[in-house]
Amino acid sequence: MSEISVELVKKMREMTGSPIMECKKALQKTGGKIDEAIKALRTQGLASARLKESRETKEGLISAYIHLDGKLGVLLEINCESDFVAKTPDFRQLGHDIAMQIAASSPIYVSREQVPSEKIEEEKEIYIEQARLAGKPEHILEKIAVGRLEKYFKDVCLLEQPFIREPKTSVKEHIAGVIAKLGENITIRRFVRFKVGESLG
């Protein structure tokens, strides 16, 4: 196996924010292929995040983001396990980035688990009817509706949305990377988005 250059390790660290040794190990495993190494690190981050999912998150912060000359704003509660992590630059940056994500992408829910079942059924019925009117065969209507529901979740659920700073990654995957880096579970508890003049209905 060829030696991994310091420059390559530094480049990967800049791209992922992961510890230098983790970057080096991932590059060694993939023979210096940076795209594959980043994918491996992301998978590892998701696995690490899943192991921490059951841990309580009672610390954290309220992150605020104001945009467009004060005409659009977001308040977000993001939680972690300790006050120590809540004060780290990485955690605060994550809070800022997620608040900015909410401002830009207008999610309605944090996760798909929060979408009311009646809303899911209502959307599904609409998709089935649209496919039927488009002349699609009856036996594939359900499959089409399920596919469109997945797109709906990506539109309205914060964790499912493409992360604005790295669109190939979902918000959930990005948070998983920060969990792996900081070593604590992180959860998005709630958010509210205000836009001047927007209907309250």
N, C-alpha and C. Protein backbone atom coordinates (compact mmCIF):
# COMPACT_ATOMS: atom_id res chain seq x y z
N MET A 1 0.85 -1.20 0.00
CA MET A 1 0.00 0.00 0.00
C MET A 1 0.89 1.25 0.00
N SER A 2 0.59 2.19 -0.91
CA SER A 2 1.42 3.40 -0.99
C SER A 2 1.17 4.30 0.22
N GLU A 3 2.19 5.05 0.57
CA GLU A 3 2.09 5.96 1.71
C GLU A 3 1.14 7.11 1.37
N ILE A 4 0.27 7.46 2.32
CA ILE A 4 -0.69 8.55 2.12
C ILE A 4 0.01 9.87 2.44
N SER A 5 -0.04 10.80 1.51
CA SER A 5 0.67 12.07 1.70
C SER A 5 -0.03 12.94 2.75
N VAL A 6 0.76 13.76 3.41
CA VAL A 6 0.24 14.69 4.43
C VAL A 6 -0.74 15.66 3.79
N GLU A 7 -0.44 16.07 2.54
CA GLU A 7 -1.30 17.04 1.84
C GLU A 7 -2.70 16.45 1.62
N LEU A 8 -2.74 15.16 1.25
CA LEU A 8 -4.03 14.49 1.00
C LEU A 8 -4.84 14.39 2.30
N VAL A 9 -4.15 14.05 3.39
CA VAL A 9 -4.82 13.96 4.69
C VAL A 9 -5.38 15.33 5.09
N LYS A 10 -4.57 16.38 4.88
CA LYS A 10 -5.01 17.74 5.22
C LYS A 10 -6.22 18.15 4.38
N LYS A 11 -6.17 17.80 3.10
CA LYS A 11 -7.27 18.14 2.20
C LYS A 11 -8.57 17.48 2.67
N MET A 12 -8.46 16.20 3.06
CA MET A 12 -9.65 15.49 3.51
C MET A 12 -10.16 16.06 4.83
N ARG A 13 -9.24 16.44 5.70
CA ARG A 13 -9.65 17.05 6.97
C ARG A 13 -10.41 18.35 6.73
N GLU A 14 -9.92 19.15 5.79
CA GLU A 14 -10.58 20.42 5.45
C GLU A 14 -11.98 20.16 4.88
N MET A 15 -12.11 19.09 4.09
CA MET A 15 -13.39 18.78 3.45
C MET A 15 -14.41 18.19 4.42
N THR A 16 -13.93 17.45 5.43
CA THR A 16 -14.86 16.73 6.31
C THR A 16 -14.91 17.25 7.74
N GLY A 17 -13.83 17.92 8.19
CA GLY A 17 -13.76 18.36 9.59
C GLY A 17 -13.47 17.22 10.55
N SER A 18 -13.18 16.04 10.02
CA SER A 18 -12.90 14.87 10.87
C SER A 18 -11.47 14.90 11.40
N PRO A 19 -11.21 14.20 12.53
CA PRO A 19 -9.85 14.17 13.08
C PRO A 19 -8.84 13.64 12.06
N ILE A 20 -7.59 14.13 12.15
CA ILE A 20 -6.55 13.76 11.19
C ILE A 20 -6.33 12.25 11.11
N MET A 21 -6.28 11.59 12.27
CA MET A 21 -6.03 10.14 12.28
C MET A 21 -7.16 9.37 11.59
N GLU A 22 -8.41 9.84 11.77
CA GLU A 22 -9.55 9.19 11.12
C GLU A 22 -9.46 9.36 9.61
N CYS A 23 -9.06 10.55 9.19
CA CYS A 23 -8.89 10.81 7.74
C CYS A 23 -7.81 9.90 7.16
N LYS A 24 -6.70 9.80 7.88
CA LYS A 24 -5.57 8.98 7.41
C LYS A 24 -5.98 7.51 7.29
N LYS A 25 -6.67 7.01 8.32
CA LYS A 25 -7.11 5.59 8.30
C LYS A 25 -8.04 5.33 7.13
N ALA A 26 -9.00 6.25 6.91
CA ALA A 26 -9.96 6.08 5.82
C ALA A 26 -9.27 6.11 4.46
N LEU A 27 -8.27 6.99 4.31
CA LEU A 27 -7.52 7.07 3.05
C LEU A 27 -6.67 5.82 2.83
N GLN A 28 -6.10 5.29 3.91
CA GLN A 28 -5.31 4.06 3.79
C GLN A 28 -6.19 2.88 3.36
N LYS A 29 -7.40 2.83 3.94
CA LYS A 29 -8.32 1.73 3.61
C LYS A 29 -8.77 1.79 2.16
N THR A 30 -8.83 3.00 1.59
CA THR A 30 -9.34 3.16 0.22
C THR A 30 -8.23 3.42 -0.78
N GLY A 31 -6.98 3.21 -0.36
CA GLY A 31 -5.85 3.37 -1.28
C GLY A 31 -5.66 4.79 -1.77
N GLY A 32 -6.02 5.76 -0.91
CA GLY A 32 -5.82 7.16 -1.26
C GLY A 32 -6.92 7.77 -2.10
N LYS A 33 -8.03 7.02 -2.31
CA LYS A 33 -9.15 7.56 -3.10
C LYS A 33 -10.02 8.40 -2.17
N ILE A 34 -9.93 9.71 -2.34
CA ILE A 34 -10.54 10.63 -1.37
C ILE A 34 -12.08 10.54 -1.33
N ASP A 35 -12.72 10.38 -2.51
CA ASP A 35 -14.19 10.29 -2.54
C ASP A 35 -14.68 9.06 -1.77
N GLU A 36 -13.99 7.93 -1.99
CA GLU A 36 -14.36 6.68 -1.29
C GLU A 36 -14.09 6.81 0.21
N ALA A 37 -12.99 7.48 0.55
CA ALA A 37 -12.62 7.67 1.96
C ALA A 37 -13.66 8.52 2.68
N ILE A 38 -14.14 9.58 2.02
CA ILE A 38 -15.18 10.45 2.61
C ILE A 38 -16.47 9.64 2.81
N LYS A 39 -16.80 8.82 1.83
CA LYS A 39 -18.01 7.98 1.94
C LYS A 39 -17.88 7.01 3.12
N ALA A 40 -16.68 6.42 3.27
CA ALA A 40 -16.43 5.49 4.37
C ALA A 40 -16.56 6.19 5.72
N LEU A 41 -16.01 7.41 5.81
CA LEU A 41 -16.10 8.19 7.06
C LEU A 41 -17.55 8.53 7.38
N ARG A 42 -18.32 8.88 6.34
CA ARG A 42 -19.73 9.24 6.54
C ARG A 42 -20.52 8.03 7.07
N THR A 43 -20.25 6.86 6.47
CA THR A 43 -20.91 5.63 6.91
C THR A 43 -20.56 5.34 8.36
N GLN A 44 -19.29 5.51 8.69
CA GLN A 44 -18.80 5.30 10.06
C GLN A 44 -19.47 6.29 11.01
N GLY A 45 -19.62 7.53 10.56
CA GLY A 45 -20.28 8.56 11.37
C GLY A 45 -21.73 8.22 11.65
N LEU A 46 -22.43 7.72 10.63
CA LEU A 46 -23.84 7.33 10.81
C LEU A 46 -23.96 6.17 11.78
N ALA A 47 -23.03 5.20 11.68
CA ALA A 47 -23.05 4.05 12.59
C ALA A 47 -22.79 4.51 14.02
N SER A 48 -21.82 5.41 14.17
CA SER A 48 -21.49 5.95 15.49
C SER A 48 -22.67 6.73 16.06
N ALA A 49 -23.34 7.50 15.21
CA ALA A 49 -24.49 8.30 15.65
C ALA A 49 -25.63 7.39 16.12
N ARG A 50 -25.85 6.29 15.40
CA ARG A 50 -26.93 5.37 15.77
C ARG A 50 -26.70 4.77 17.16
N LEU A 51 -25.43 4.49 17.48
CA LEU A 51 -25.11 3.93 18.80
C LEU A 51 -25.41 4.93 19.91
N LYS A 52 -25.37 6.22 19.59
CA LYS A 52 -25.59 7.26 20.60
C LYS A 52 -27.03 7.77 20.65
N GLU A 53 -27.88 7.28 19.73
CA GLU A 53 -29.23 7.82 19.60
C GLU A 53 -30.07 7.72 20.86
N SER A 54 -29.83 6.70 21.68
CA SER A 54 -30.66 6.49 22.87
C SER A 54 -30.21 7.36 24.05
N ARG A 55 -29.06 8.02 23.91
CA ARG A 55 -28.55 8.83 25.02
C ARG A 55 -29.29 10.15 25.13
N GLU A 56 -29.61 10.53 26.35
CA GLU A 56 -30.40 11.74 26.59
C GLU A 56 -29.64 13.01 26.23
N THR A 57 -30.37 13.98 25.71
CA THR A 57 -29.77 15.27 25.34
C THR A 57 -30.53 16.38 26.06
N LYS A 58 -30.00 16.78 27.22
CA LYS A 58 -30.68 17.80 28.03
C LYS A 58 -29.96 19.14 28.06
N GLU A 59 -28.79 19.19 27.43
CA GLU A 59 -28.07 20.46 27.33
C GLU A 59 -28.22 20.97 25.89
N GLY A 60 -27.57 22.09 25.58
CA GLY A 60 -27.65 22.60 24.22
C GLY A 60 -27.76 24.10 24.19
N LEU A 61 -28.38 24.59 23.12
CA LEU A 61 -28.52 26.04 23.00
C LEU A 61 -29.68 26.39 22.08
N ILE A 62 -30.08 27.67 22.17
CA ILE A 62 -31.04 28.23 21.24
C ILE A 62 -30.23 29.00 20.21
N SER A 63 -30.36 28.61 18.97
CA SER A 63 -29.62 29.30 17.90
C SER A 63 -30.60 30.16 17.12
N ALA A 64 -30.19 31.39 16.81
CA ALA A 64 -31.04 32.32 16.07
C ALA A 64 -30.36 32.71 14.76
N TYR A 65 -31.18 32.87 13.74
CA TYR A 65 -30.64 33.32 12.45
C TYR A 65 -31.62 34.34 11.86
N ILE A 66 -31.10 35.51 11.54
CA ILE A 66 -31.93 36.56 10.93
C ILE A 66 -31.39 36.84 9.53
N HIS A 67 -32.30 36.91 8.56
CA HIS A 67 -31.90 37.05 7.16
C HIS A 67 -32.75 38.14 6.49
N LEU A 68 -32.33 38.54 5.30
CA LEU A 68 -33.09 39.47 4.46
C LEU A 68 -33.50 40.75 5.19
N ASP A 69 -32.54 41.49 5.69
CA ASP A 69 -32.81 42.77 6.34
C ASP A 69 -33.85 42.66 7.46
N GLY A 70 -33.80 41.56 8.18
CA GLY A 70 -34.70 41.41 9.33
C GLY A 70 -36.10 40.96 8.96
N LYS A 71 -36.31 40.53 7.73
CA LYS A 71 -37.66 40.12 7.31
C LYS A 71 -37.88 38.60 7.41
N LEU A 72 -36.83 37.86 7.74
CA LEU A 72 -36.93 36.41 7.89
C LEU A 72 -36.05 35.98 9.05
N GLY A 73 -36.60 35.19 9.97
CA GLY A 73 -35.82 34.76 11.13
C GLY A 73 -36.18 33.36 11.59
N VAL A 74 -35.22 32.72 12.24
CA VAL A 74 -35.40 31.36 12.75
C VAL A 74 -34.90 31.27 14.18
N LEU A 75 -35.65 30.57 15.02
CA LEU A 75 -35.19 30.19 16.36
C LEU A 75 -35.17 28.67 16.39
N LEU A 76 -34.07 28.11 16.86
CA LEU A 76 -33.88 26.67 16.85
C LEU A 76 -33.36 26.19 18.20
N GLU A 77 -33.94 25.13 18.73
CA GLU A 77 -33.37 24.49 19.93
C GLU A 77 -32.65 23.23 19.48
N ILE A 78 -31.34 23.22 19.71
CA ILE A 78 -30.51 22.06 19.37
C ILE A 78 -29.88 21.55 20.65
N ASN A 79 -29.97 20.24 20.89
CA ASN A 79 -29.55 19.66 22.17
C ASN A 79 -28.38 18.70 22.03
N CYS A 80 -27.60 18.62 23.11
CA CYS A 80 -26.51 17.65 23.22
C CYS A 80 -26.51 17.11 24.65
N GLU A 81 -25.49 16.35 25.01
CA GLU A 81 -25.49 15.68 26.31
C GLU A 81 -24.85 16.50 27.43
N SER A 82 -23.91 17.39 27.08
CA SER A 82 -23.19 18.11 28.14
C SER A 82 -23.05 19.59 27.81
N ASP A 83 -22.94 20.38 28.87
CA ASP A 83 -22.73 21.82 28.71
C ASP A 83 -21.39 22.09 28.04
N PHE A 84 -20.42 21.21 28.28
CA PHE A 84 -19.10 21.35 27.69
C PHE A 84 -19.19 21.35 26.16
N VAL A 85 -19.90 20.36 25.60
CA VAL A 85 -20.05 20.27 24.14
C VAL A 85 -20.89 21.43 23.61
N ALA A 86 -21.91 21.83 24.39
CA ALA A 86 -22.79 22.94 23.97
C ALA A 86 -21.99 24.22 23.72
N LYS A 87 -20.85 24.35 24.42
CA LYS A 87 -20.05 25.58 24.29
C LYS A 87 -18.95 25.48 23.23
N THR A 88 -18.83 24.32 22.58
CA THR A 88 -17.75 24.17 21.60
C THR A 88 -18.09 24.91 20.30
N PRO A 89 -17.08 25.41 19.59
CA PRO A 89 -17.32 26.09 18.30
C PRO A 89 -18.03 25.19 17.29
N ASP A 90 -17.69 23.89 17.28
CA ASP A 90 -18.31 22.97 16.31
C ASP A 90 -19.82 22.86 16.54
N PHE A 91 -20.22 22.76 17.82
CA PHE A 91 -21.65 22.63 18.12
C PHE A 91 -22.39 23.93 17.79
N ARG A 92 -21.76 25.05 18.12
CA ARG A 92 -22.39 26.35 17.84
C ARG A 92 -22.49 26.59 16.33
N GLN A 93 -21.47 26.15 15.61
CA GLN A 93 -21.51 26.28 14.14
C GLN A 93 -22.64 25.43 13.57
N LEU A 94 -22.80 24.23 14.14
CA LEU A 94 -23.88 23.34 13.68
C LEU A 94 -25.24 24.02 13.90
N GLY A 95 -25.43 24.61 15.08
CA GLY A 95 -26.68 25.31 15.37
C GLY A 95 -26.94 26.42 14.37
N HIS A 96 -25.89 27.18 14.06
CA HIS A 96 -26.02 28.27 13.09
C HIS A 96 -26.38 27.73 11.71
N ASP A 97 -25.67 26.67 11.29
CA ASP A 97 -25.91 26.10 9.96
C ASP A 97 -27.32 25.54 9.82
N ILE A 98 -27.80 24.87 10.88
CA ILE A 98 -29.15 24.28 10.82
C ILE A 98 -30.21 25.38 10.82
N ALA A 99 -30.00 26.45 11.60
CA ALA A 99 -30.94 27.58 11.59
C ALA A 99 -30.97 28.22 10.19
N MET A 100 -29.80 28.33 9.56
CA MET A 100 -29.73 28.88 8.21
C MET A 100 -30.43 27.95 7.22
N GLN A 101 -30.30 26.66 7.42
CA GLN A 101 -30.98 25.65 6.59
C GLN A 101 -32.50 25.86 6.66
N ILE A 102 -33.00 26.05 7.87
CA ILE A 102 -34.45 26.25 8.07
C ILE A 102 -34.91 27.53 7.38
N ALA A 103 -34.11 28.59 7.48
CA ALA A 103 -34.45 29.86 6.83
C ALA A 103 -34.54 29.67 5.31
N ALA A 104 -33.59 28.93 4.76
CA ALA A 104 -33.50 28.77 3.30
C ALA A 104 -34.49 27.75 2.74
N SER A 105 -34.73 26.66 3.49
CA SER A 105 -35.48 25.54 2.92
C SER A 105 -36.88 25.33 3.48
N SER A 106 -37.28 26.13 4.43
CA SER A 106 -38.66 26.14 4.97
C SER A 106 -39.24 24.76 5.33
N PRO A 107 -38.52 23.95 6.12
CA PRO A 107 -39.13 22.67 6.53
C PRO A 107 -40.32 22.94 7.46
N ILE A 108 -41.20 21.96 7.56
CA ILE A 108 -42.37 22.09 8.45
C ILE A 108 -42.16 21.26 9.71
N TYR A 109 -41.52 20.10 9.54
CA TYR A 109 -41.30 19.17 10.65
C TYR A 109 -39.80 18.92 10.84
N VAL A 110 -39.42 18.42 12.03
CA VAL A 110 -38.02 18.04 12.25
C VAL A 110 -37.74 16.73 11.50
N SER A 111 -38.60 15.72 11.70
CA SER A 111 -38.38 14.41 11.10
C SER A 111 -39.69 13.86 10.54
N ARG A 112 -39.59 12.79 9.75
CA ARG A 112 -40.80 12.21 9.15
C ARG A 112 -41.72 11.61 10.22
N GLU A 113 -41.13 11.25 11.38
CA GLU A 113 -41.95 10.70 12.46
C GLU A 113 -42.94 11.73 13.00
N GLN A 114 -42.68 13.00 12.78
CA GLN A 114 -43.57 14.06 13.27
C GLN A 114 -44.72 14.37 12.31
N VAL A 115 -44.64 13.86 11.09
CA VAL A 115 -45.71 14.13 10.12
C VAL A 115 -46.94 13.33 10.53
N PRO A 116 -48.09 14.00 10.76
CA PRO A 116 -49.29 13.29 11.19
C PRO A 116 -49.70 12.22 10.16
N SER A 117 -50.15 11.06 10.65
CA SER A 117 -50.50 9.96 9.75
C SER A 117 -51.61 10.35 8.77
N GLU A 118 -52.54 11.22 9.24
CA GLU A 118 -53.62 11.63 8.33
C GLU A 118 -53.08 12.50 7.18
N LYS A 119 -52.02 13.28 7.46
CA LYS A 119 -51.39 14.09 6.42
C LYS A 119 -50.71 13.20 5.39
N ILE A 120 -50.05 12.15 5.88
CA ILE A 120 -49.38 11.20 4.97
C ILE A 120 -50.41 10.52 4.07
N GLU A 121 -51.53 10.09 4.66
CA GLU A 121 -52.60 9.43 3.89
C GLU A 121 -53.19 10.39 2.86
N GLU A 122 -53.38 11.63 3.27
CA GLU A 122 -53.93 12.65 2.37
C GLU A 122 -53.01 12.87 1.17
N GLU A 123 -51.70 13.00 1.44
CA GLU A 123 -50.73 13.19 0.36
C GLU A 123 -50.71 11.98 -0.57
N LYS A 124 -50.75 10.80 0.03
CA LYS A 124 -50.70 9.55 -0.74
C LYS A 124 -51.89 9.45 -1.69
N GLU A 125 -53.07 9.79 -1.18
CA GLU A 125 -54.28 9.75 -2.00
C GLU A 125 -54.16 10.71 -3.19
N ILE A 126 -53.60 11.89 -2.93
CA ILE A 126 -53.42 12.88 -4.01
C ILE A 126 -52.49 12.32 -5.08
N TYR A 127 -51.37 11.70 -4.66
CA TYR A 127 -50.40 11.15 -5.61
C TYR A 127 -51.00 10.01 -6.43
N ILE A 128 -51.79 9.18 -5.76
CA ILE A 128 -52.44 8.06 -6.47
C ILE A 128 -53.40 8.60 -7.53
N GLU A 129 -54.19 9.60 -7.15
CA GLU A 129 -55.16 10.18 -8.08
C GLU A 129 -54.46 10.88 -9.24
N GLN A 130 -53.36 11.58 -8.94
CA GLN A 130 -52.60 12.25 -10.01
C GLN A 130 -52.06 11.24 -11.02
N ALA A 131 -51.52 10.12 -10.48
CA ALA A 131 -50.97 9.07 -11.36
C ALA A 131 -52.08 8.42 -12.18
N ARG A 132 -53.23 8.24 -11.55
CA ARG A 132 -54.39 7.63 -12.25
C ARG A 132 -54.83 8.53 -13.40
N LEU A 133 -54.92 9.84 -13.12
CA LEU A 133 -55.34 10.81 -14.15
C LEU A 133 -54.31 10.92 -15.27
N ALA A 134 -53.05 10.61 -14.93
CA ALA A 134 -51.98 10.64 -15.95
C ALA A 134 -51.97 9.36 -16.79
N GLY A 135 -52.91 8.44 -16.49
CA GLY A 135 -53.04 7.21 -17.27
C GLY A 135 -52.11 6.09 -16.87
N LYS A 136 -51.55 6.16 -15.66
CA LYS A 136 -50.66 5.08 -15.19
C LYS A 136 -51.48 3.84 -14.86
N PRO A 137 -50.90 2.64 -15.11
CA PRO A 137 -51.63 1.39 -14.80
C PRO A 137 -51.97 1.29 -13.31
N GLU A 138 -53.12 0.73 -13.02
CA GLU A 138 -53.63 0.64 -11.64
C GLU A 138 -52.66 -0.07 -10.70
N HIS A 139 -51.99 -1.12 -11.20
CA HIS A 139 -51.15 -1.94 -10.32
C HIS A 139 -49.85 -1.25 -9.87
N ILE A 140 -49.51 -0.11 -10.50
CA ILE A 140 -48.28 0.58 -10.06
C ILE A 140 -48.58 1.91 -9.34
N LEU A 141 -49.85 2.23 -9.16
CA LEU A 141 -50.22 3.50 -8.53
C LEU A 141 -49.64 3.64 -7.12
N GLU A 142 -49.72 2.54 -6.35
CA GLU A 142 -49.22 2.55 -4.97
C GLU A 142 -47.72 2.82 -4.94
N LYS A 143 -47.00 2.14 -5.86
CA LYS A 143 -45.54 2.30 -5.92
C LYS A 143 -45.16 3.74 -6.28
N ILE A 144 -45.89 4.33 -7.21
CA ILE A 144 -45.64 5.72 -7.61
C ILE A 144 -45.88 6.65 -6.43
N ALA A 145 -46.98 6.41 -5.71
CA ALA A 145 -47.34 7.24 -4.55
C ALA A 145 -46.26 7.17 -3.47
N VAL A 146 -45.73 5.97 -3.21
CA VAL A 146 -44.69 5.80 -2.19
C VAL A 146 -43.42 6.57 -2.60
N GLY A 147 -43.08 6.52 -3.88
CA GLY A 147 -41.91 7.27 -4.37
C GLY A 147 -42.08 8.76 -4.20
N ARG A 148 -43.30 9.24 -4.48
CA ARG A 148 -43.56 10.68 -4.34
C ARG A 148 -43.62 11.10 -2.88
N LEU A 149 -44.04 10.18 -2.02
CA LEU A 149 -44.04 10.47 -0.58
C LEU A 149 -42.62 10.70 -0.07
N GLU A 150 -41.68 9.91 -0.59
CA GLU A 150 -40.28 10.08 -0.20
C GLU A 150 -39.79 11.48 -0.56
N LYS A 151 -40.19 11.95 -1.73
CA LYS A 151 -39.82 13.31 -2.16
C LYS A 151 -40.49 14.34 -1.24
N TYR A 152 -41.73 14.06 -0.85
CA TYR A 152 -42.46 14.96 0.06
C TYR A 152 -41.72 15.08 1.39
N PHE A 153 -41.26 13.94 1.93
CA PHE A 153 -40.52 13.96 3.20
C PHE A 153 -39.25 14.81 3.07
N LYS A 154 -38.57 14.71 1.91
CA LYS A 154 -37.34 15.49 1.70
C LYS A 154 -37.64 16.98 1.61
N ASP A 155 -38.85 17.32 1.20
CA ASP A 155 -39.23 18.72 1.10
C ASP A 155 -39.60 19.31 2.46
N VAL A 156 -40.36 18.55 3.26
CA VAL A 156 -40.95 19.14 4.48
C VAL A 156 -40.27 18.75 5.79
N CYS A 157 -39.40 17.74 5.77
CA CYS A 157 -38.75 17.28 7.01
C CYS A 157 -37.28 17.75 7.04
N LEU A 158 -36.94 18.52 8.04
CA LEU A 158 -35.60 19.09 8.16
C LEU A 158 -34.50 18.05 8.00
N LEU A 159 -34.59 16.94 8.74
CA LEU A 159 -33.51 15.94 8.74
C LEU A 159 -33.34 15.25 7.39
N GLU A 160 -34.40 15.26 6.57
CA GLU A 160 -34.36 14.57 5.27
C GLU A 160 -33.84 15.48 4.16
N GLN A 161 -33.84 16.79 4.40
CA GLN A 161 -33.47 17.73 3.34
C GLN A 161 -31.98 17.64 2.99
N PRO A 162 -31.63 17.95 1.73
CA PRO A 162 -30.21 18.05 1.38
C PRO A 162 -29.61 19.21 2.18
N PHE A 163 -28.45 19.00 2.78
CA PHE A 163 -27.80 20.04 3.57
C PHE A 163 -27.32 21.16 2.65
N ILE A 164 -27.68 22.41 2.96
CA ILE A 164 -27.41 23.50 2.01
C ILE A 164 -25.92 23.72 1.74
N ARG A 165 -25.07 23.40 2.70
CA ARG A 165 -23.63 23.60 2.49
C ARG A 165 -22.99 22.43 1.72
N GLU A 166 -23.70 21.31 1.67
CA GLU A 166 -23.17 20.12 0.98
C GLU A 166 -24.38 19.29 0.51
N PRO A 167 -25.00 19.69 -0.62
CA PRO A 167 -26.28 19.10 -1.05
C PRO A 167 -26.30 17.58 -1.28
N LYS A 168 -25.12 16.96 -1.45
CA LYS A 168 -25.11 15.50 -1.63
C LYS A 168 -25.34 14.79 -0.30
N THR A 169 -25.29 15.55 0.80
CA THR A 169 -25.46 15.00 2.15
C THR A 169 -26.78 15.50 2.73
N SER A 170 -27.50 14.62 3.42
CA SER A 170 -28.72 15.07 4.09
C SER A 170 -28.35 15.78 5.40
N VAL A 171 -29.29 16.55 5.93
CA VAL A 171 -29.06 17.22 7.22
C VAL A 171 -28.76 16.17 8.29
N LYS A 172 -29.50 15.06 8.25
CA LYS A 172 -29.29 13.98 9.24
C LYS A 172 -27.87 13.43 9.15
N GLU A 173 -27.38 13.23 7.93
CA GLU A 173 -26.01 12.71 7.75
C GLU A 173 -24.98 13.72 8.23
N HIS A 174 -25.25 15.00 7.97
CA HIS A 174 -24.30 16.03 8.43
C HIS A 174 -24.22 16.05 9.96
N ILE A 175 -25.39 15.98 10.61
CA ILE A 175 -25.43 15.95 12.08
C ILE A 175 -24.70 14.71 12.59
N ALA A 176 -24.87 13.58 11.90
CA ALA A 176 -24.18 12.34 12.30
C ALA A 176 -22.67 12.52 12.28
N GLY A 177 -22.17 13.26 11.29
CA GLY A 177 -20.73 13.53 11.22
C GLY A 177 -20.25 14.34 12.41
N VAL A 178 -21.07 15.31 12.83
CA VAL A 178 -20.71 16.14 14.00
C VAL A 178 -20.79 15.30 15.28
N ILE A 179 -21.78 14.40 15.36
CA ILE A 179 -21.89 13.49 16.51
C ILE A 179 -20.62 12.64 16.63
N ALA A 180 -20.18 12.11 15.48
CA ALA A 180 -18.97 11.28 15.48
C ALA A 180 -17.75 12.09 15.92
N LYS A 181 -17.71 13.34 15.51
CA LYS A 181 -16.57 14.20 15.84
C LYS A 181 -16.56 14.61 17.31
N LEU A 182 -17.74 14.97 17.85
CA LEU A 182 -17.82 15.48 19.22
C LEU A 182 -18.03 14.38 20.26
N GLY A 183 -18.48 13.21 19.81
CA GLY A 183 -18.62 12.07 20.73
C GLY A 183 -19.87 12.12 21.61
N GLU A 184 -20.83 12.95 21.25
CA GLU A 184 -22.09 13.02 22.01
C GLU A 184 -23.27 12.98 21.07
N ASN A 185 -24.40 12.47 21.59
CA ASN A 185 -25.62 12.51 20.81
C ASN A 185 -26.07 13.97 20.64
N ILE A 186 -26.62 14.28 19.48
CA ILE A 186 -27.13 15.62 19.19
C ILE A 186 -28.52 15.47 18.60
N THR A 187 -29.47 16.24 19.09
CA THR A 187 -30.82 16.18 18.55
C THR A 187 -31.35 17.59 18.26
N ILE A 188 -32.22 17.66 17.27
CA ILE A 188 -32.93 18.91 16.99
C ILE A 188 -34.28 18.77 17.68
N ARG A 189 -34.55 19.61 18.66
CA ARG A 189 -35.79 19.47 19.42
C ARG A 189 -36.96 20.17 18.74
N ARG A 190 -36.75 21.42 18.37
CA ARG A 190 -37.85 22.19 17.77
C ARG A 190 -37.30 23.43 17.09
N PHE A 191 -38.12 24.01 16.24
CA PHE A 191 -37.73 25.26 15.59
C PHE A 191 -38.99 26.03 15.22
N VAL A 192 -38.79 27.32 15.00
CA VAL A 192 -39.87 28.15 14.48
C VAL A 192 -39.26 29.12 13.47
N ARG A 193 -39.97 29.33 12.38
CA ARG A 193 -39.50 30.19 11.29
C ARG A 193 -40.50 31.31 11.09
N PHE A 194 -40.01 32.53 11.15
CA PHE A 194 -40.88 33.70 10.98
C PHE A 194 -40.52 34.42 9.68
N LYS A 195 -41.54 34.84 8.94
CA LYS A 195 -41.31 35.67 7.76
C LYS A 195 -42.33 36.80 7.79
N VAL A 196 -41.84 38.03 7.69
CA VAL A 196 -42.73 39.19 7.75
C VAL A 196 -43.78 39.10 6.64
N GLY A 197 -45.05 39.27 7.05
CA GLY A 197 -46.13 39.27 6.08
C GLY A 197 -46.69 37.91 5.72
N GLU A 198 -46.05 36.85 6.23
CA GLU A 198 -46.50 35.50 5.90
C GLU A 198 -47.80 35.17 6.61
N SER A 199 -48.68 34.44 5.97
CA SER A 199 -49.96 34.06 6.56
C SER A 199 -49.75 33.19 7.79
N LEU A 200 -50.55 33.39 8.83
CA LEU A 200 -50.44 32.58 10.04
C LEU A 200 -51.15 31.24 9.87
N GLY A 201 -51.97 31.12 8.85
CA GLY A 201 -52.69 29.85 8.62
C GLY A 201 -51.75 28.84 8.06
